Amino acid sequence: MSLTKEKKKKIITEFRKEKRDTGSVELQVALLTERINELAEHFKTHGKDHHSRYGLIKMVGRRKRLLNYLQEKNPEGYKHLITRLDLRK
């Protein structure tokens, strides 16, 4: 249920701001979105996995807080990011 090294590296190269960027808000949201999508697929076959569901809820809350921060600090970057990640807002 975690990201593989290859998938994480691909996301980092796609969403980073500069060459050494590994922790910008946009990048954190992209990584969380990928993990959330993987867990959503997991729940299609394992509906009673309540422990992982708790982790999913925590990840969704963290992503929401990061998106709120980004919307406050950089509204244009926020709009661009949610269109790239295909998030509803």
N, C-alpha and C. Protein backbone atom coordinates (compact mmCIF):
# COMPACT_ATOMS: atom_id res chain seq x y z
N MET A 1 0.80 -1.20 0.00
CA MET A 1 0.00 0.00 0.00
C MET A 1 0.85 1.26 0.00
N SER A 2 2.15 1.11 0.07
CA SER A 2 2.99 2.29 0.02
C SER A 2 3.48 2.49 -1.41
N LEU A 3 4.03 3.65 -1.66
CA LEU A 3 4.54 3.96 -2.99
C LEU A 3 5.86 3.24 -3.23
N THR A 4 6.04 2.74 -4.43
CA THR A 4 7.31 2.15 -4.79
C THR A 4 8.33 3.26 -5.05
N LYS A 5 9.59 2.92 -5.03
CA LYS A 5 10.64 3.91 -5.25
C LYS A 5 10.49 4.56 -6.63
N GLU A 6 10.19 3.75 -7.63
CA GLU A 6 10.08 4.27 -8.98
C GLU A 6 8.92 5.25 -9.12
N LYS A 7 7.78 4.87 -8.53
CA LYS A 7 6.60 5.73 -8.62
C LYS A 7 6.82 7.04 -7.87
N LYS A 8 7.45 6.95 -6.70
CA LYS A 8 7.72 8.15 -5.92
C LYS A 8 8.70 9.07 -6.64
N LYS A 9 9.72 8.48 -7.24
CA LYS A 9 10.70 9.27 -7.98
C LYS A 9 10.04 9.96 -9.17
N LYS A 10 9.14 9.27 -9.85
CA LYS A 10 8.43 9.85 -11.00
C LYS A 10 7.58 11.05 -10.56
N ILE A 11 6.88 10.90 -9.44
CA ILE A 11 6.05 12.00 -8.92
C ILE A 11 6.91 13.18 -8.52
N ILE A 12 8.04 12.90 -7.88
CA ILE A 12 8.94 13.98 -7.46
C ILE A 12 9.47 14.75 -8.66
N THR A 13 9.88 14.05 -9.71
CA THR A 13 10.40 14.75 -10.88
C THR A 13 9.30 15.54 -11.60
N GLU A 14 8.07 15.08 -11.51
CA GLU A 14 6.97 15.76 -12.19
C GLU A 14 6.51 17.01 -11.45
N PHE A 15 6.51 17.00 -10.12
CA PHE A 15 5.93 18.09 -9.35
C PHE A 15 6.92 18.98 -8.63
N ARG A 16 8.21 18.72 -8.76
CA ARG A 16 9.18 19.55 -8.02
C ARG A 16 9.30 20.93 -8.66
N LYS A 17 9.68 21.89 -7.83
CA LYS A 17 9.84 23.27 -8.30
C LYS A 17 11.24 23.50 -8.86
N GLU A 18 12.24 22.90 -8.24
CA GLU A 18 13.62 23.03 -8.68
C GLU A 18 14.29 21.67 -8.56
N LYS A 19 15.53 21.61 -8.96
CA LYS A 19 16.22 20.31 -9.04
C LYS A 19 16.33 19.59 -7.69
N ARG A 20 16.57 20.32 -6.60
CA ARG A 20 16.77 19.69 -5.30
C ARG A 20 15.52 19.70 -4.43
N ASP A 21 14.38 20.02 -4.99
CA ASP A 21 13.14 20.13 -4.22
C ASP A 21 12.61 18.74 -3.88
N THR A 22 12.46 18.47 -2.58
CA THR A 22 11.88 17.20 -2.16
C THR A 22 10.76 17.36 -1.15
N GLY A 23 10.40 18.59 -0.80
CA GLY A 23 9.41 18.74 0.24
C GLY A 23 8.51 19.94 0.11
N SER A 24 8.36 20.51 -1.08
CA SER A 24 7.48 21.66 -1.23
C SER A 24 6.03 21.22 -1.01
N VAL A 25 5.18 22.18 -0.78
CA VAL A 25 3.77 21.88 -0.50
C VAL A 25 3.14 21.15 -1.69
N GLU A 26 3.43 21.61 -2.89
CA GLU A 26 2.87 20.98 -4.08
C GLU A 26 3.29 19.52 -4.18
N LEU A 27 4.53 19.26 -3.88
CA LEU A 27 5.05 17.90 -3.95
C LEU A 27 4.43 17.02 -2.87
N GLN A 28 4.29 17.55 -1.66
CA GLN A 28 3.66 16.78 -0.59
C GLN A 28 2.22 16.43 -0.93
N VAL A 29 1.49 17.39 -1.51
CA VAL A 29 0.10 17.13 -1.88
C VAL A 29 0.04 16.07 -2.98
N ALA A 30 0.95 16.13 -3.95
CA ALA A 30 0.96 15.14 -5.02
C ALA A 30 1.24 13.73 -4.48
N LEU A 31 2.20 13.62 -3.57
CA LEU A 31 2.51 12.31 -2.98
C LEU A 31 1.34 11.79 -2.15
N LEU A 32 0.72 12.67 -1.37
CA LEU A 32 -0.44 12.25 -0.57
C LEU A 32 -1.59 11.82 -1.47
N THR A 33 -1.80 12.53 -2.57
CA THR A 33 -2.88 12.19 -3.49
C THR A 33 -2.66 10.81 -4.08
N GLU A 34 -1.44 10.50 -4.44
CA GLU A 34 -1.15 9.18 -5.00
C GLU A 34 -1.40 8.09 -3.96
N ARG A 35 -0.97 8.32 -2.73
CA ARG A 35 -1.21 7.32 -1.67
C ARG A 35 -2.69 7.16 -1.39
N ILE A 36 -3.43 8.27 -1.40
CA ILE A 36 -4.88 8.22 -1.17
C ILE A 36 -5.56 7.44 -2.28
N ASN A 37 -5.15 7.66 -3.52
CA ASN A 37 -5.74 6.92 -4.64
C ASN A 37 -5.45 5.42 -4.54
N GLU A 38 -4.25 5.07 -4.12
CA GLU A 38 -3.92 3.65 -3.96
C GLU A 38 -4.76 3.01 -2.85
N LEU A 39 -4.95 3.75 -1.75
CA LEU A 39 -5.77 3.20 -0.67
C LEU A 39 -7.24 3.07 -1.09
N ALA A 40 -7.72 3.99 -1.90
CA ALA A 40 -9.09 3.90 -2.39
C ALA A 40 -9.28 2.62 -3.21
N GLU A 41 -8.28 2.27 -4.02
CA GLU A 41 -8.33 1.01 -4.77
C GLU A 41 -8.29 -0.19 -3.83
N HIS A 42 -7.50 -0.08 -2.76
CA HIS A 42 -7.38 -1.15 -1.79
C HIS A 42 -8.74 -1.44 -1.13
N PHE A 43 -9.50 -0.39 -0.85
CA PHE A 43 -10.78 -0.57 -0.16
C PHE A 43 -11.86 -1.17 -1.06
N LYS A 44 -11.64 -1.18 -2.36
CA LYS A 44 -12.61 -1.82 -3.25
C LYS A 44 -12.62 -3.34 -3.03
N THR A 45 -11.47 -3.89 -2.62
CA THR A 45 -11.42 -5.33 -2.38
C THR A 45 -11.40 -5.67 -0.90
N HIS A 46 -10.96 -4.76 -0.05
CA HIS A 46 -10.86 -5.01 1.39
C HIS A 46 -11.72 -4.00 2.14
N GLY A 47 -13.01 -4.17 2.05
CA GLY A 47 -13.94 -3.20 2.63
C GLY A 47 -13.93 -3.11 4.14
N LYS A 48 -13.48 -4.15 4.82
CA LYS A 48 -13.52 -4.16 6.29
C LYS A 48 -12.18 -3.83 6.93
N ASP A 49 -11.27 -3.27 6.17
CA ASP A 49 -9.95 -2.91 6.68
C ASP A 49 -10.05 -1.54 7.36
N HIS A 50 -10.53 -1.54 8.58
CA HIS A 50 -10.79 -0.28 9.28
C HIS A 50 -9.51 0.41 9.74
N HIS A 51 -8.47 -0.34 9.99
CA HIS A 51 -7.22 0.27 10.42
C HIS A 51 -6.62 1.13 9.31
N SER A 52 -6.63 0.61 8.10
CA SER A 52 -6.13 1.40 6.96
C SER A 52 -7.06 2.57 6.65
N ARG A 53 -8.34 2.40 6.90
CA ARG A 53 -9.29 3.49 6.67
C ARG A 53 -8.99 4.67 7.59
N TYR A 54 -8.57 4.38 8.81
CA TYR A 54 -8.19 5.44 9.74
C TYR A 54 -6.98 6.21 9.20
N GLY A 55 -6.00 5.49 8.65
CA GLY A 55 -4.85 6.14 8.04
C GLY A 55 -5.24 6.97 6.83
N LEU A 56 -6.20 6.48 6.06
CA LEU A 56 -6.69 7.23 4.90
C LEU A 56 -7.32 8.54 5.34
N ILE A 57 -8.12 8.49 6.38
CA ILE A 57 -8.77 9.71 6.88
C ILE A 57 -7.73 10.72 7.34
N LYS A 58 -6.66 10.24 7.99
CA LYS A 58 -5.59 11.14 8.43
C LYS A 58 -4.88 11.77 7.24
N MET A 59 -4.64 10.98 6.20
CA MET A 59 -3.97 11.51 5.00
C MET A 59 -4.83 12.55 4.29
N VAL A 60 -6.13 12.29 4.21
CA VAL A 60 -7.04 13.24 3.56
C VAL A 60 -7.06 14.55 4.34
N GLY A 61 -7.06 14.48 5.67
CA GLY A 61 -7.03 15.69 6.48
C GLY A 61 -5.74 16.46 6.31
N ARG A 62 -4.64 15.75 6.24
CA ARG A 62 -3.35 16.42 6.05
C ARG A 62 -3.29 17.10 4.69
N ARG A 63 -3.79 16.40 3.65
CA ARG A 63 -3.81 17.00 2.31
C ARG A 63 -4.69 18.23 2.28
N LYS A 64 -5.81 18.18 2.98
CA LYS A 64 -6.71 19.33 3.02
C LYS A 64 -6.03 20.53 3.69
N ARG A 65 -5.32 20.29 4.78
CA ARG A 65 -4.61 21.38 5.46
C ARG A 65 -3.52 21.97 4.57
N LEU A 66 -2.80 21.11 3.86
CA LEU A 66 -1.76 21.61 2.96
C LEU A 66 -2.36 22.41 1.81
N LEU A 67 -3.50 21.95 1.28
CA LEU A 67 -4.15 22.69 0.20
C LEU A 67 -4.69 24.03 0.69
N ASN A 68 -5.21 24.07 1.92
CA ASN A 68 -5.66 25.35 2.47
C ASN A 68 -4.50 26.32 2.62
N TYR A 69 -3.36 25.82 3.08
CA TYR A 69 -2.17 26.66 3.21
C TYR A 69 -1.73 27.19 1.85
N LEU A 70 -1.70 26.30 0.86
CA LEU A 70 -1.28 26.70 -0.47
C LEU A 70 -2.24 27.72 -1.07
N GLN A 71 -3.53 27.54 -0.84
CA GLN A 71 -4.52 28.48 -1.37
C GLN A 71 -4.34 29.85 -0.76
N GLU A 72 -3.96 29.89 0.51
CA GLU A 72 -3.75 31.17 1.18
C GLU A 72 -2.47 31.84 0.71
N LYS A 73 -1.39 31.08 0.54
CA LYS A 73 -0.08 31.64 0.20
C LYS A 73 0.11 31.87 -1.29
N ASN A 74 -0.43 30.96 -2.12
CA ASN A 74 -0.20 31.04 -3.57
C ASN A 74 -1.45 30.57 -4.31
N PRO A 75 -2.45 31.45 -4.49
CA PRO A 75 -3.71 31.02 -5.12
C PRO A 75 -3.54 30.50 -6.54
N GLU A 76 -2.63 31.08 -7.32
CA GLU A 76 -2.43 30.59 -8.69
C GLU A 76 -1.81 29.20 -8.69
N GLY A 77 -0.84 28.98 -7.82
CA GLY A 77 -0.24 27.65 -7.70
C GLY A 77 -1.25 26.61 -7.24
N TYR A 78 -2.15 27.03 -6.37
CA TYR A 78 -3.21 26.14 -5.88
C TYR A 78 -4.12 25.72 -7.03
N LYS A 79 -4.56 26.68 -7.83
CA LYS A 79 -5.44 26.37 -8.96
C LYS A 79 -4.75 25.45 -9.96
N HIS A 80 -3.49 25.74 -10.22
CA HIS A 80 -2.74 24.92 -11.16
C HIS A 80 -2.58 23.48 -10.63
N LEU A 81 -2.31 23.35 -9.34
CA LEU A 81 -2.10 22.03 -8.76
C LEU A 81 -3.36 21.19 -8.75
N ILE A 82 -4.50 21.77 -8.38
CA ILE A 82 -5.70 20.95 -8.32
C ILE A 82 -6.17 20.55 -9.71
N THR A 83 -5.85 21.35 -10.74
CA THR A 83 -6.18 20.90 -12.10
C THR A 83 -5.24 19.79 -12.55
N ARG A 84 -3.96 19.88 -12.18
CA ARG A 84 -3.00 18.83 -12.56
C ARG A 84 -3.32 17.51 -11.86
N LEU A 85 -3.78 17.58 -10.61
CA LEU A 85 -4.07 16.36 -9.86
C LEU A 85 -5.51 15.90 -10.04
N ASP A 86 -6.29 16.70 -10.73
CA ASP A 86 -7.70 16.38 -10.98
C ASP A 86 -8.47 16.22 -9.66
N LEU A 87 -8.31 17.23 -8.78
CA LEU A 87 -9.02 17.24 -7.51
C LEU A 87 -10.23 18.16 -7.62
N ARG A 88 -11.27 17.80 -6.93
CA ARG A 88 -12.48 18.65 -6.93
C ARG A 88 -12.33 19.70 -5.86
N LYS A 89 -12.66 20.92 -6.17
CA LYS A 89 -12.69 22.01 -5.20
C LYS A 89 -13.56 23.11 -5.74
